[in-house]
């Protein structure tokens, strides 16, 4: 079924797989968008990145990518308001693909009142309008995507913004490697490649008709979240994620008795060949527990040398997997009608 291009075209009416396959080019284009942005020099003691859904995940990825590199904390805000500590010494970045996300706009207005150093990234909408009105730097990104499919346009300009204010050394080499690795993944996992040689198709076939549980360690926890949300939105399936080692203090106990649910489950481990030995041993133990409970266990390894490339490689494979799961379920990956219905209801309040 996944090798039938005609059938894929019939199901994937909005061509989400084509958009996903073009992700490496999105990185190149997105990186250029922030080159001319001007940001006032200012002492920064913390960073808050506000967004929701497919926009906020960029903040999560940045936070973990930079956890060992920045001397100041990064906080990802998914709410209508900001933490009390956000103020004049805060770099506040607002990510909203449409520019009309109500939670993000509410936080943006609050940050302006607190005289935080603000930057907006959107394809237009009210966020762009307020940025122009308040003379706030704004990066305009291309319209026409689903927010979750525009992650390159939200993530990579944010990286360049943090670099421009002097908090981050030159990262062009890491971005270049990320593009290279992403191109390889695109070539090897695009819809034209047969299932026998296509990792993403093989994973999708393995976890079809299961409840996916995605597990990750440290840098890859936001990538596990991304796998879950992509499966939610593209595949229209329930999925969950958890983090190692925290899950070893609670989650693994549930697998010792819930064999009925375990038998319907697939467990996906996001691995890194350079992960600490104690983390590797935890994964080995978890595999034994999960398989004994009746679950299917799959392991996916990061590709690349730099941390950014390795993180994005695992994220990108998951994006392909979610689309192939949608094809197997005969659902168009693009529409998310229930989210639209919620927004319509909220507009009446």
C-alpha atoms as a PDB file:
ATOM      1  CA  UNK A   1       0.000   0.000   0.000  1.00  0.00           C
ATOM      2  CA  UNK A   2       2.785   2.450   0.859  1.00  0.00           C
ATOM      3  CA  UNK A   3       4.453   1.783  -2.501  1.00  0.00           C
ATOM      4  CA  UNK A   4       1.302   2.632  -4.472  1.00  0.00           C
ATOM      5  CA  UNK A   5       1.965   6.244  -5.511  1.00  0.00           C
ATOM      6  CA  UNK A   6      -1.451   6.632  -7.121  1.00  0.00           C
ATOM      7  CA  UNK A   7      -3.192   5.581  -3.907  1.00  0.00           C
ATOM      8  CA  UNK A   8      -0.957   7.864  -1.833  1.00  0.00           C
ATOM      9  CA  UNK A   9      -1.933  10.796  -4.056  1.00  0.00           C
ATOM     10  CA  UNK A  10      -5.618   9.982  -3.602  1.00  0.00           C
ATOM     11  CA  UNK A  11      -5.310   9.938   0.200  1.00  0.00           C
ATOM     12  CA  UNK A  12      -2.763  12.736   0.672  1.00  0.00           C
ATOM     13  CA  UNK A  13      -4.909  15.299  -1.132  1.00  0.00           C
ATOM     14  CA  UNK A  14      -3.061  18.319   0.246  1.00  0.00           C
ATOM     15  CA  UNK A  15       0.351  16.789  -0.503  1.00  0.00           C
ATOM     16  CA  UNK A  16       1.698  16.797   3.038  1.00  0.00           C
ATOM     17  CA  UNK A  17       4.304  14.194   2.082  1.00  0.00           C
ATOM     18  CA  UNK A  18       5.658  16.523  -0.594  1.00  0.00           C
ATOM     19  CA  UNK A  19       5.875  19.336   1.950  1.00  0.00           C
ATOM     20  CA  UNK A  20       7.698  17.053   4.388  1.00  0.00           C
ATOM     21  CA  UNK A  21      10.106  15.901   1.668  1.00  0.00           C
ATOM     22  CA  UNK A  22      11.014  19.563   0.986  1.00  0.00           C
ATOM     23  CA  UNK A  23      12.039  20.225   4.601  1.00  0.00           C
ATOM     24  CA  UNK A  24      15.803  20.551   3.841  1.00  0.00           C
ATOM     25  CA  UNK A  25      15.043  23.420   1.456  1.00  0.00           C
ATOM     26  CA  UNK A  26      12.860  25.005   4.140  1.00  0.00           C
ATOM     27  CA  UNK A  27      15.893  25.110   6.468  1.00  0.00           C
ATOM     28  CA  UNK A  28      17.993  26.911   3.849  1.00  0.00           C
ATOM     29  CA  UNK A  29      15.251  29.447   3.113  1.00  0.00           C
ATOM     30  CA  UNK A  30      14.354  29.968   6.772  1.00  0.00           C
ATOM     31  CA  UNK A  31      17.936  30.650   7.842  1.00  0.00           C
ATOM     32  CA  UNK A  32      18.158  33.500   5.335  1.00  0.00           C
ATOM     33  CA  UNK A  33      14.961  35.163   6.562  1.00  0.00           C
ATOM     34  CA  UNK A  34      16.497  36.408   9.804  1.00  0.00           C
ATOM     35  CA  UNK A  35      19.744  37.692   8.272  1.00  0.00           C
ATOM     36  CA  UNK A  36      18.605  41.317   7.979  1.00  0.00           C
ATOM     37  CA  UNK A  37      16.693  41.595  11.239  1.00  0.00           C
ATOM     38  CA  UNK A  38      17.973  44.321  13.551  1.00  0.00           C
ATOM     39  CA  UNK A  39      17.824  43.769  17.292  1.00  0.00           C
ATOM     40  CA  UNK A  40      18.950  46.326  19.850  1.00  0.00           C
ATOM     41  CA  UNK A  41      21.917  45.269  21.964  1.00  0.00           C
ATOM     42  CA  UNK A  42      20.851  44.661  25.524  1.00  0.00           C
ATOM     43  CA  UNK A  43      21.963  42.669  28.551  1.00  0.00           C
ATOM     44  CA  UNK A  44      19.820  39.538  28.640  1.00  0.00           C
ATOM     45  CA  UNK A  45      19.434  37.369  31.733  1.00  0.00           C
ATOM     46  CA  UNK A  46      16.799  34.941  30.438  1.00  0.00           C
ATOM     47  CA  UNK A  47      14.864  33.940  27.334  1.00  0.00           C
ATOM     48  CA  UNK A  48      11.179  33.115  27.039  1.00  0.00           C
ATOM     49  CA  UNK A  49       9.780  31.593  23.860  1.00  0.00           C
ATOM     50  CA  UNK A  50       5.993  31.771  23.589  1.00  0.00           C
ATOM     51  CA  UNK A  51       3.924  29.662  21.220  1.00  0.00           C
ATOM     52  CA  UNK A  52       1.418  26.863  20.958  1.00  0.00           C
ATOM     53  CA  UNK A  53       1.322  23.511  19.189  1.00  0.00           C
ATOM     54  CA  UNK A  54       3.514  23.283  16.098  1.00  0.00           C
ATOM     55  CA  UNK A  55       5.042  26.675  16.896  1.00  0.00           C
ATOM     56  CA  UNK A  56       5.975  25.970  20.527  1.00  0.00           C
ATOM     57  CA  UNK A  57       7.882  22.792  19.688  1.00  0.00           C
ATOM     58  CA  UNK A  58      10.625  24.964  18.189  1.00  0.00           C
ATOM     59  CA  UNK A  59      11.137  26.478  21.629  1.00  0.00           C
ATOM     60  CA  UNK A  60      11.364  23.025  23.200  1.00  0.00           C
ATOM     61  CA  UNK A  61      14.003  21.941  20.687  1.00  0.00           C
ATOM     62  CA  UNK A  62      16.025  25.111  21.221  1.00  0.00           C
ATOM     63  CA  UNK A  63      15.865  24.789  24.990  1.00  0.00           C
ATOM     64  CA  UNK A  64      17.361  21.288  24.959  1.00  0.00           C
ATOM     65  CA  UNK A  65      19.832  22.007  22.169  1.00  0.00           C
ATOM     66  CA  UNK A  66      21.242  24.939  24.140  1.00  0.00           C
ATOM     67  CA  UNK A  67      21.021  23.481  27.654  1.00  0.00           C
ATOM     68  CA  UNK A  68      24.798  22.859  27.777  1.00  0.00           C
ATOM     69  CA  UNK A  69      25.784  26.007  25.857  1.00  0.00           C
ATOM     70  CA  UNK A  70      23.972  29.025  27.293  1.00  0.00           C
ATOM     71  CA  UNK A  71      24.632  30.520  30.710  1.00  0.00           C
ATOM     72  CA  UNK A  72      21.073  31.817  30.944  1.00  0.00           C
ATOM     73  CA  UNK A  73      17.808  29.859  31.169  1.00  0.00           C
ATOM     74  CA  UNK A  74      15.266  29.366  28.378  1.00  0.00           C
ATOM     75  CA  UNK A  75      11.601  28.974  29.255  1.00  0.00           C
ATOM     76  CA  UNK A  76       8.924  27.789  26.805  1.00  0.00           C
ATOM     77  CA  UNK A  77       5.602  29.482  27.486  1.00  0.00           C
ATOM     78  CA  UNK A  78       2.364  27.820  26.403  1.00  0.00           C
ATOM     79  CA  UNK A  79      -0.174  30.106  28.046  1.00  0.00           C
ATOM     80  CA  UNK A  80      -2.080  33.377  27.877  1.00  0.00           C
ATOM     81  CA  UNK A  81       0.255  35.128  30.293  1.00  0.00           C
ATOM     82  CA  UNK A  82       3.936  35.211  31.211  1.00  0.00           C
ATOM     83  CA  UNK A  83       5.783  34.128  34.360  1.00  0.00           C
ATOM     84  CA  UNK A  84       6.194  36.974  36.843  1.00  0.00           C
ATOM     85  CA  UNK A  85       9.991  37.078  36.388  1.00  0.00           C
ATOM     86  CA  UNK A  86       9.761  38.143  32.723  1.00  0.00           C
ATOM     87  CA  UNK A  87      10.871  41.762  32.468  1.00  0.00           C
ATOM     88  CA  UNK A  88      13.332  44.252  30.973  1.00  0.00           C
ATOM     89  CA  UNK A  89      16.238  41.803  30.966  1.00  0.00           C
ATOM     90  CA  UNK A  90      14.249  39.107  29.132  1.00  0.00           C
ATOM     91  CA  UNK A  91      14.495  38.258  25.448  1.00  0.00           C
ATOM     92  CA  UNK A  92      10.896  37.360  24.546  1.00  0.00           C
ATOM     93  CA  UNK A  93      10.400  35.550  21.234  1.00  0.00           C
ATOM     94  CA  UNK A  94       6.850  35.000  19.999  1.00  0.00           C
ATOM     95  CA  UNK A  95       6.172  32.206  17.534  1.00  0.00           C
ATOM     96  CA  UNK A  96       2.799  32.002  15.812  1.00  0.00           C
ATOM     97  CA  UNK A  97       2.645  30.630  12.306  1.00  0.00           C
ATOM     98  CA  UNK A  98      -0.673  32.313  11.529  1.00  0.00           C
ATOM     99  CA  UNK A  99       0.115  35.332  13.658  1.00  0.00           C
ATOM    100  CA  UNK A 100      -3.324  35.032  15.247  1.00  0.00           C
ATOM    101  CA  UNK A 101      -2.777  32.491  18.051  1.00  0.00           C
ATOM    102  CA  UNK A 102      -4.724  33.998  20.934  1.00  0.00           C
ATOM    103  CA  UNK A 103      -2.546  32.660  23.739  1.00  0.00           C
ATOM    104  CA  UNK A 104       0.628  33.957  22.065  1.00  0.00           C
ATOM    105  CA  UNK A 105      -0.861  37.370  21.299  1.00  0.00           C
ATOM    106  CA  UNK A 106      -1.981  37.760  24.904  1.00  0.00           C
ATOM    107  CA  UNK A 107       1.553  36.988  26.152  1.00  0.00           C
ATOM    108  CA  UNK A 108       3.025  39.343  23.541  1.00  0.00           C
ATOM    109  CA  UNK A 109       0.954  42.299  24.733  1.00  0.00           C
ATOM    110  CA  UNK A 110       2.000  41.541  28.306  1.00  0.00           C
ATOM    111  CA  UNK A 111       5.703  41.412  27.361  1.00  0.00           C
ATOM    112  CA  UNK A 112       5.458  44.812  25.659  1.00  0.00           C
ATOM    113  CA  UNK A 113       3.991  46.320  28.827  1.00  0.00           C
ATOM    114  CA  UNK A 114       6.875  44.883  30.837  1.00  0.00           C
ATOM    115  CA  UNK A 115       9.376  46.420  28.367  1.00  0.00           C
ATOM    116  CA  UNK A 116      10.870  43.042  27.488  1.00  0.00           C
ATOM    117  CA  UNK A 117      13.075  42.836  24.375  1.00  0.00           C
ATOM    118  CA  UNK A 118      10.544  41.328  21.978  1.00  0.00           C
ATOM    119  CA  UNK A 119      10.802  39.651  18.575  1.00  0.00           C
ATOM    120  CA  UNK A 120       7.927  38.170  16.565  1.00  0.00           C
ATOM    121  CA  UNK A 121       7.951  35.429  13.952  1.00  0.00           C
ATOM    122  CA  UNK A 122       4.823  34.755  11.873  1.00  0.00           C
ATOM    123  CA  UNK A 123       3.470  34.548   8.345  1.00  0.00           C
ATOM    124  CA  UNK A 124       1.462  37.710   9.031  1.00  0.00           C
ATOM    125  CA  UNK A 125      -1.678  38.186  11.118  1.00  0.00           C
ATOM    126  CA  UNK A 126      -2.119  40.298  14.230  1.00  0.00           C
ATOM    127  CA  UNK A 127       1.374  39.498  15.487  1.00  0.00           C
ATOM    128  CA  UNK A 128       2.918  41.223  12.478  1.00  0.00           C
ATOM    129  CA  UNK A 129       0.503  44.148  12.801  1.00  0.00           C
ATOM    130  CA  UNK A 130       1.338  44.717  16.483  1.00  0.00           C
ATOM    131  CA  UNK A 131       5.071  44.405  15.759  1.00  0.00           C
ATOM    132  CA  UNK A 132       4.797  47.161  13.163  1.00  0.00           C
ATOM    133  CA  UNK A 133       2.680  49.325  15.470  1.00  0.00           C
ATOM    134  CA  UNK A 134       5.076  48.935  18.427  1.00  0.00           C
ATOM    135  CA  UNK A 135       8.281  48.990  16.344  1.00  0.00           C
ATOM    136  CA  UNK A 136       9.138  45.437  17.394  1.00  0.00           C
ATOM    137  CA  UNK A 137      11.446  43.344  15.135  1.00  0.00           C
ATOM    138  CA  UNK A 138       9.467  40.807  13.113  1.00  0.00           C
ATOM    139  CA  UNK A 139      10.493  37.956  10.823  1.00  0.00           C
ATOM    140  CA  UNK A 140       7.887  37.249   8.173  1.00  0.00           C
ATOM    141  CA  UNK A 141       7.807  33.646   7.043  1.00  0.00           C
ATOM    142  CA  UNK A 142       5.977  32.082   4.052  1.00  0.00           C
ATOM    143  CA  UNK A 143       2.244  31.428   4.327  1.00  0.00           C
ATOM    144  CA  UNK A 144       0.310  28.434   3.002  1.00  0.00           C
ATOM    145  CA  UNK A 145       1.643  25.731   5.355  1.00  0.00           C
ATOM    146  CA  UNK A 146       0.079  23.879   8.218  1.00  0.00           C
ATOM    147  CA  UNK A 147       1.859  25.244  11.332  1.00  0.00           C
ATOM    148  CA  UNK A 148       3.355  21.847  12.133  1.00  0.00           C
ATOM    149  CA  UNK A 149       4.799  21.661   8.610  1.00  0.00           C
ATOM    150  CA  UNK A 150       6.453  25.075   8.956  1.00  0.00           C
ATOM    151  CA  UNK A 151       8.769  24.116  11.809  1.00  0.00           C
ATOM    152  CA  UNK A 152      11.930  25.039   9.874  1.00  0.00           C
ATOM    153  CA  UNK A 153      10.599  28.575   9.371  1.00  0.00           C
ATOM    154  CA  UNK A 154       9.968  28.974  13.099  1.00  0.00           C
ATOM    155  CA  UNK A 155      13.033  27.172  14.476  1.00  0.00           C
ATOM    156  CA  UNK A 156      15.930  28.407  12.368  1.00  0.00           C
ATOM    157  CA  UNK A 157      15.128  32.150  12.421  1.00  0.00           C
ATOM    158  CA  UNK A 158      14.912  31.804  16.211  1.00  0.00           C
ATOM    159  CA  UNK A 159      18.398  30.291  16.250  1.00  0.00           C
ATOM    160  CA  UNK A 160      19.715  33.219  14.209  1.00  0.00           C
ATOM    161  CA  UNK A 161      18.011  35.734  16.512  1.00  0.00           C
ATOM    162  CA  UNK A 162      19.731  34.253  19.571  1.00  0.00           C
ATOM    163  CA  UNK A 163      23.005  34.331  17.648  1.00  0.00           C
ATOM    164  CA  UNK A 164      22.506  37.974  16.605  1.00  0.00           C
ATOM    165  CA  UNK A 165      22.155  39.249  20.150  1.00  0.00           C
ATOM    166  CA  UNK A 166      25.498  37.664  21.003  1.00  0.00           C
ATOM    167  CA  UNK A 167      24.346  34.757  23.141  1.00  0.00           C
ATOM    168  CA  UNK A 168      25.397  32.080  20.679  1.00  0.00           C
ATOM    169  CA  UNK A 169      28.599  31.600  18.711  1.00  0.00           C
ATOM    170  CA  UNK A 170      28.621  30.876  14.994  1.00  0.00           C
ATOM    171  CA  UNK A 171      26.389  27.888  14.265  1.00  0.00           C
ATOM    172  CA  UNK A 172      26.507  27.958  10.465  1.00  0.00           C
ATOM    173  CA  UNK A 173      28.506  24.722  10.363  1.00  0.00           C
ATOM    174  CA  UNK A 174      25.910  22.916  12.471  1.00  0.00           C
ATOM    175  CA  UNK A 175      23.082  24.227  10.322  1.00  0.00           C
ATOM    176  CA  UNK A 176      24.957  23.176   7.184  1.00  0.00           C
ATOM    177  CA  UNK A 177      25.362  19.631   8.522  1.00  0.00           C
ATOM    178  CA  UNK A 178      21.683  19.580   9.538  1.00  0.00           C
ATOM    179  CA  UNK A 179      20.715  20.426   5.952  1.00  0.00           C
ATOM    180  CA  UNK A 180      23.026  17.688   4.625  1.00  0.00           C
ATOM    181  CA  UNK A 181      21.662  15.005   6.965  1.00  0.00           C
ATOM    182  CA  UNK A 182      18.079  16.126   6.282  1.00  0.00           C
ATOM    183  CA  UNK A 183      18.631  15.831   2.532  1.00  0.00           C
ATOM    184  CA  UNK A 184      19.863  12.267   2.988  1.00  0.00           C
ATOM    185  CA  UNK A 185      16.802  11.399   5.070  1.00  0.00           C
ATOM    186  CA  UNK A 186      14.504  12.995   2.495  1.00  0.00           C
ATOM    187  CA  UNK A 187      16.108  11.067  -0.363  1.00  0.00           C
ATOM    188  CA  UNK A 188      15.897   7.753   1.525  1.00  0.00           C
ATOM    189  CA  UNK A 189      12.375   8.155   2.949  1.00  0.00           C
ATOM    190  CA  UNK A 190      10.371  10.009   0.314  1.00  0.00           C
ATOM    191  CA  UNK A 191       7.266   8.327  -1.076  1.00  0.00           C
ATOM    192  CA  UNK A 192       8.991   7.142  -4.263  1.00  0.00           C
ATOM    193  CA  UNK A 193      11.355   4.881  -2.273  1.00  0.00           C
ATOM    194  CA  UNK A 194      10.025   1.349  -1.817  1.00  0.00           C
ATOM    195  CA  UNK A 195       9.140   0.120   1.652  1.00  0.00           C
ATOM    196  CA  UNK A 196      11.960  -2.442   1.584  1.00  0.00           C
ATOM    197  CA  UNK A 197      14.510   0.402   1.570  1.00  0.00           C
ATOM    198  CA  UNK A 198      12.474   3.066   3.370  1.00  0.00           C
ATOM    199  CA  UNK A 199      12.957   3.286   7.147  1.00  0.00           C
ATOM    200  CA  UNK A 200       9.956   5.543   7.780  1.00  0.00           C
ATOM    201  CA  UNK A 201       7.609   3.283   5.818  1.00  0.00           C
ATOM    202  CA  UNK A 202       8.894   0.232   7.694  1.00  0.00           C
ATOM    203  CA  UNK A 203       8.342   1.899  11.071  1.00  0.00           C
ATOM    204  CA  UNK A 204       4.836   2.979  10.075  1.00  0.00           C
ATOM    205  CA  UNK A 205       3.950  -0.561   9.051  1.00  0.00           C
ATOM    206  CA  UNK A 206       5.319  -1.912  12.332  1.00  0.00           C
ATOM    207  CA  UNK A 207       3.307   0.433  14.564  1.00  0.00           C
ATOM    208  CA  UNK A 208       0.093   0.483  12.530  1.00  0.00           C
ATOM    209  CA  UNK A 209      -2.930  -0.499  14.666  1.00  0.00           C
ATOM    210  CA  UNK A 210      -0.968   0.025  17.890  1.00  0.00           C
ATOM    211  CA  UNK A 211      -0.871   2.660  20.609  1.00  0.00           C
ATOM    212  CA  UNK A 212       2.555   4.293  20.116  1.00  0.00           C
ATOM    213  CA  UNK A 213       4.643   5.219  23.171  1.00  0.00           C
ATOM    214  CA  UNK A 214       7.727   7.292  22.317  1.00  0.00           C
ATOM    215  CA  UNK A 215      10.650   7.388  24.762  1.00  0.00           C
ATOM    216  CA  UNK A 216      13.641   9.723  24.717  1.00  0.00           C
ATOM    217  CA  UNK A 217      16.524  10.961  26.823  1.00  0.00           C
ATOM    218  CA  UNK A 218      17.542  14.562  27.558  1.00  0.00           C
ATOM    219  CA  UNK A 219      18.085  16.356  24.210  1.00  0.00           C
ATOM    220  CA  UNK A 220      15.573  14.143  22.465  1.00  0.00           C
ATOM    221  CA  UNK A 221      12.622  14.612  24.814  1.00  0.00           C
ATOM    222  CA  UNK A 222      11.174  17.444  22.653  1.00  0.00           C
ATOM    223  CA  UNK A 223      11.711  15.198  19.647  1.00  0.00           C
ATOM    224  CA  UNK A 224       9.612  12.510  21.339  1.00  0.00           C
ATOM    225  CA  UNK A 225       6.933  15.159  21.942  1.00  0.00           C
ATOM    226  CA  UNK A 226       7.121  16.059  18.252  1.00  0.00           C
ATOM    227  CA  UNK A 227       6.654  12.389  17.260  1.00  0.00           C
ATOM    228  CA  UNK A 228       3.584  12.252  19.504  1.00  0.00           C
ATOM    229  CA  UNK A 229       2.003  15.452  18.191  1.00  0.00           C
ATOM    230  CA  UNK A 230       2.728  14.556  14.567  1.00  0.00           C
ATOM    231  CA  UNK A 231       1.076  11.177  15.063  1.00  0.00           C
ATOM    232  CA  UNK A 232      -1.857  12.963  16.744  1.00  0.00           C
ATOM    233  CA  UNK A 233      -2.347  15.478  13.929  1.00  0.00           C
ATOM    234  CA  UNK A 234      -1.124  13.740  10.783  1.00  0.00           C
ATOM    235  CA  UNK A 235      -2.056  10.151  11.608  1.00  0.00           C
ATOM    236  CA  UNK A 236      -5.191  11.038  13.648  1.00  0.00           C
ATOM    237  CA  UNK A 237      -4.085   8.584  16.337  1.00  0.00           C
ATOM    238  CA  UNK A 238      -3.663   8.663  20.091  1.00  0.00           C
ATOM    239  CA  UNK A 239      -0.005   8.511  21.114  1.00  0.00           C
ATOM    240  CA  UNK A 240       2.047   9.373  24.185  1.00  0.00           C
ATOM    241  CA  UNK A 241       5.645  10.183  25.070  1.00  0.00           C
ATOM    242  CA  UNK A 242       7.827   9.933  28.145  1.00  0.00           C
ATOM    243  CA  UNK A 243      11.405  10.707  29.149  1.00  0.00           C
ATOM    244  CA  UNK A 244      14.314   8.652  30.420  1.00  0.00           C
ATOM    245  CA  UNK A 245      15.335   8.406  33.250  1.00  0.00           C
ATOM    246  CA  UNK A 246      12.187   9.941  34.820  1.00  0.00           C
ATOM    247  CA  UNK A 247       9.939   7.220  33.397  1.00  0.00           C
ATOM    248  CA  UNK A 248      12.037   4.610  35.205  1.00  0.00           C
ATOM    249  CA  UNK A 249      10.641   5.932  38.476  1.00  0.00           C
ATOM    250  CA  UNK A 250       6.971   5.442  37.538  1.00  0.00           C
ATOM    251  CA  UNK A 251       5.997   4.499  33.973  1.00  0.00           C
ATOM    252  CA  UNK A 252       7.760   1.126  33.898  1.00  0.00           C
ATOM    253  CA  UNK A 253       5.684  -0.119  36.820  1.00  0.00           C
ATOM    254  CA  UNK A 254       2.524   0.199  34.749  1.00  0.00           C
ATOM    255  CA  UNK A 255       3.944  -2.210  32.197  1.00  0.00           C
ATOM    256  CA  UNK A 256       4.239  -5.006  34.729  1.00  0.00           C
ATOM    257  CA  UNK A 257       0.474  -5.572  35.000  1.00  0.00           C
ATOM    258  CA  UNK A 258      -1.359  -3.878  32.076  1.00  0.00           C
ATOM    259  CA  UNK A 259      -0.712  -6.682  29.618  1.00  0.00           C
ATOM    260  CA  UNK A 260      -3.940  -6.107  27.650  1.00  0.00           C
ATOM    261  CA  UNK A 261      -2.902  -2.549  26.791  1.00  0.00           C
ATOM    262  CA  UNK A 262       0.729  -3.575  26.376  1.00  0.00           C
ATOM    263  CA  UNK A 263      -0.243  -6.132  23.761  1.00  0.00           C
ATOM    264  CA  UNK A 264      -1.783  -3.324  21.707  1.00  0.00           C
ATOM    265  CA  UNK A 265       1.223  -1.024  22.162  1.00  0.00           C
ATOM    266  CA  UNK A 266       4.385  -0.154  20.303  1.00  0.00           C
ATOM    267  CA  UNK A 267       7.339   1.432  22.107  1.00  0.00           C
ATOM    268  CA  UNK A 268       9.720   3.590  20.106  1.00  0.00           C
ATOM    269  CA  UNK A 269      13.122   4.416  21.606  1.00  0.00           C
ATOM    270  CA  UNK A 270      14.911   7.470  20.210  1.00  0.00           C
ATOM    271  CA  UNK A 271      18.573   6.554  20.586  1.00  0.00           C
ATOM    272  CA  UNK A 272      21.969   8.215  20.268  1.00  0.00           C
ATOM    273  CA  UNK A 273      25.185   6.231  19.878  1.00  0.00           C
ATOM    274  CA  UNK A 274      26.887   8.698  22.248  1.00  0.00           C
ATOM    275  CA  UNK A 275      24.302   8.411  25.029  1.00  0.00           C
ATOM    276  CA  UNK A 276      25.755   7.649  28.497  1.00  0.00           C
ATOM    277  CA  UNK A 277      26.189   3.988  29.453  1.00  0.00           C
ATOM    278  CA  UNK A 278      23.688   4.291  32.301  1.00  0.00           C
ATOM    279  CA  UNK A 279      21.053   5.561  29.871  1.00  0.00           C
ATOM    280  CA  UNK A 280      21.806   2.704  27.471  1.00  0.00           C
ATOM    281  CA  UNK A 281      21.376   0.191  30.257  1.00  0.00           C
ATOM    282  CA  UNK A 282      18.049   1.784  31.203  1.00  0.00           C
ATOM    283  CA  UNK A 283      16.849   1.375  27.624  1.00  0.00           C
ATOM    284  CA  UNK A 284      17.954  -2.277  27.648  1.00  0.00           C
ATOM    285  CA  UNK A 285      16.034  -2.888  30.856  1.00  0.00           C
ATOM    286  CA  UNK A 286      12.944  -1.116  29.501  1.00  0.00           C
ATOM    287  CA  UNK A 287      13.053  -3.217  26.347  1.00  0.00           C
ATOM    288  CA  UNK A 288      13.024  -6.403  28.409  1.00  0.00           C
ATOM    289  CA  UNK A 289      10.074  -5.164  30.501  1.00  0.00           C
ATOM    290  CA  UNK A 290       8.029  -3.935  27.544  1.00  0.00           C
ATOM    291  CA  UNK A 291       8.575  -7.008  25.403  1.00  0.00           C
ATOM    292  CA  UNK A 292       7.754  -9.307  28.318  1.00  0.00           C
ATOM    293  CA  UNK A 293       4.492  -7.378  28.726  1.00  0.00           C
ATOM    294  CA  UNK A 294       3.692  -8.069  25.062  1.00  0.00           C
ATOM    295  CA  UNK A 295       4.592  -4.736  23.476  1.00  0.00           C
ATOM    296  CA  UNK A 296       6.472  -4.253  20.243  1.00  0.00           C
ATOM    297  CA  UNK A 297       9.774  -2.339  20.675  1.00  0.00           C
ATOM    298  CA  UNK A 298      11.510  -0.348  17.939  1.00  0.00           C
ATOM    299  CA  UNK A 299      14.705   1.686  18.168  1.00  0.00           C
ATOM    300  CA  UNK A 300      15.575   4.644  15.939  1.00  0.00           C
ATOM    301  CA  UNK A 301      19.096   6.075  16.035  1.00  0.00           C
ATOM    302  CA  UNK A 302      20.083   9.704  15.480  1.00  0.00           C
ATOM    303  CA  UNK A 303      22.239  10.588  12.480  1.00  0.00           C
ATOM    304  CA  UNK A 304      25.025  13.153  12.236  1.00  0.00           C
ATOM    305  CA  UNK A 305      27.904  14.558  14.275  1.00  0.00           C
ATOM    306  CA  UNK A 306      26.575  17.821  15.702  1.00  0.00           C
ATOM    307  CA  UNK A 307      23.802  17.756  18.288  1.00  0.00           C
ATOM    308  CA  UNK A 308      21.538  19.919  16.146  1.00  0.00           C
ATOM    309  CA  UNK A 309      21.830  17.528  13.197  1.00  0.00           C
ATOM    310  CA  UNK A 310      21.189  14.508  15.402  1.00  0.00           C
ATOM    311  CA  UNK A 311      18.109  16.068  17.006  1.00  0.00           C
ATOM    312  CA  UNK A 312      16.634  17.150  13.692  1.00  0.00           C
ATOM    313  CA  UNK A 313      17.403  13.792  12.072  1.00  0.00           C
ATOM    314  CA  UNK A 314      15.214  11.975  14.582  1.00  0.00           C
ATOM    315  CA  UNK A 315      12.500  14.609  14.313  1.00  0.00           C
ATOM    316  CA  UNK A 316      12.485  14.387  10.516  1.00  0.00           C
ATOM    317  CA  UNK A 317      12.179  10.603  10.420  1.00  0.00           C
ATOM    318  CA  UNK A 318       9.176  10.907  12.743  1.00  0.00           C
ATOM    319  CA  UNK A 319       7.517  13.426  10.431  1.00  0.00           C
ATOM    320  CA  UNK A 320       7.708  10.920   7.577  1.00  0.00           C
ATOM    321  CA  UNK A 321       6.464   8.096   9.814  1.00  0.00           C
ATOM    322  CA  UNK A 322       3.373  10.072  10.840  1.00  0.00           C
ATOM    323  CA  UNK A 323       2.434  10.701   7.216  1.00  0.00           C
ATOM    324  CA  UNK A 324       2.841   7.059   6.234  1.00  0.00           C
ATOM    325  CA  UNK A 325       0.703   6.055   9.208  1.00  0.00           C
ATOM    326  CA  UNK A 326      -1.988   8.376   7.848  1.00  0.00           C
ATOM    327  CA  UNK A 327      -1.787   6.689   4.442  1.00  0.00           C
ATOM    328  CA  UNK A 328      -2.108   3.258   6.056  1.00  0.00           C
ATOM    329  CA  UNK A 329      -5.185   4.517   7.920  1.00  0.00           C
ATOM    330  CA  UNK A 330      -6.524   6.055   4.687  1.00  0.00           C
ATOM    331  CA  UNK A 331      -6.800   9.539   6.179  1.00  0.00           C
ATOM    332  CA  UNK A 332      -5.524  12.790   4.695  1.00  0.00           C
ATOM    333  CA  UNK A 333      -2.617  13.946   6.918  1.00  0.00           C
ATOM    334  CA  UNK A 334      -3.352  17.656   6.509  1.00  0.00           C
ATOM    335  CA  UNK A 335      -6.834  18.558   7.899  1.00  0.00           C
ATOM    336  CA  UNK A 336      -7.296  18.951  11.661  1.00  0.00           C
ATOM    337  CA  UNK A 337     -11.018  19.705  11.760  1.00  0.00           C
ATOM    338  CA  UNK A 338     -11.480  19.271  15.508  1.00  0.00           C
ATOM    339  CA  UNK A 339      -8.944  22.051  16.219  1.00  0.00           C
ATOM    340  CA  UNK A 340     -10.815  24.333  13.816  1.00  0.00           C
ATOM    341  CA  UNK A 341     -14.071  23.551  15.612  1.00  0.00           C
ATOM    342  CA  UNK A 342     -12.521  24.485  18.961  1.00  0.00           C
ATOM    343  CA  UNK A 343     -11.292  27.814  17.577  1.00  0.00           C
ATOM    344  CA  UNK A 344     -14.755  28.547  16.190  1.00  0.00           C
ATOM    345  CA  UNK A 345     -16.285  27.896  19.596  1.00  0.00           C
ATOM    346  CA  UNK A 346     -13.773  30.128  21.357  1.00  0.00           C
ATOM    347  CA  UNK A 347     -14.479  32.948  18.914  1.00  0.00           C
ATOM    348  CA  UNK A 348     -18.073  33.026  20.198  1.00  0.00           C
ATOM    349  CA  UNK A 349     -16.924  33.777  23.756  1.00  0.00           C
END
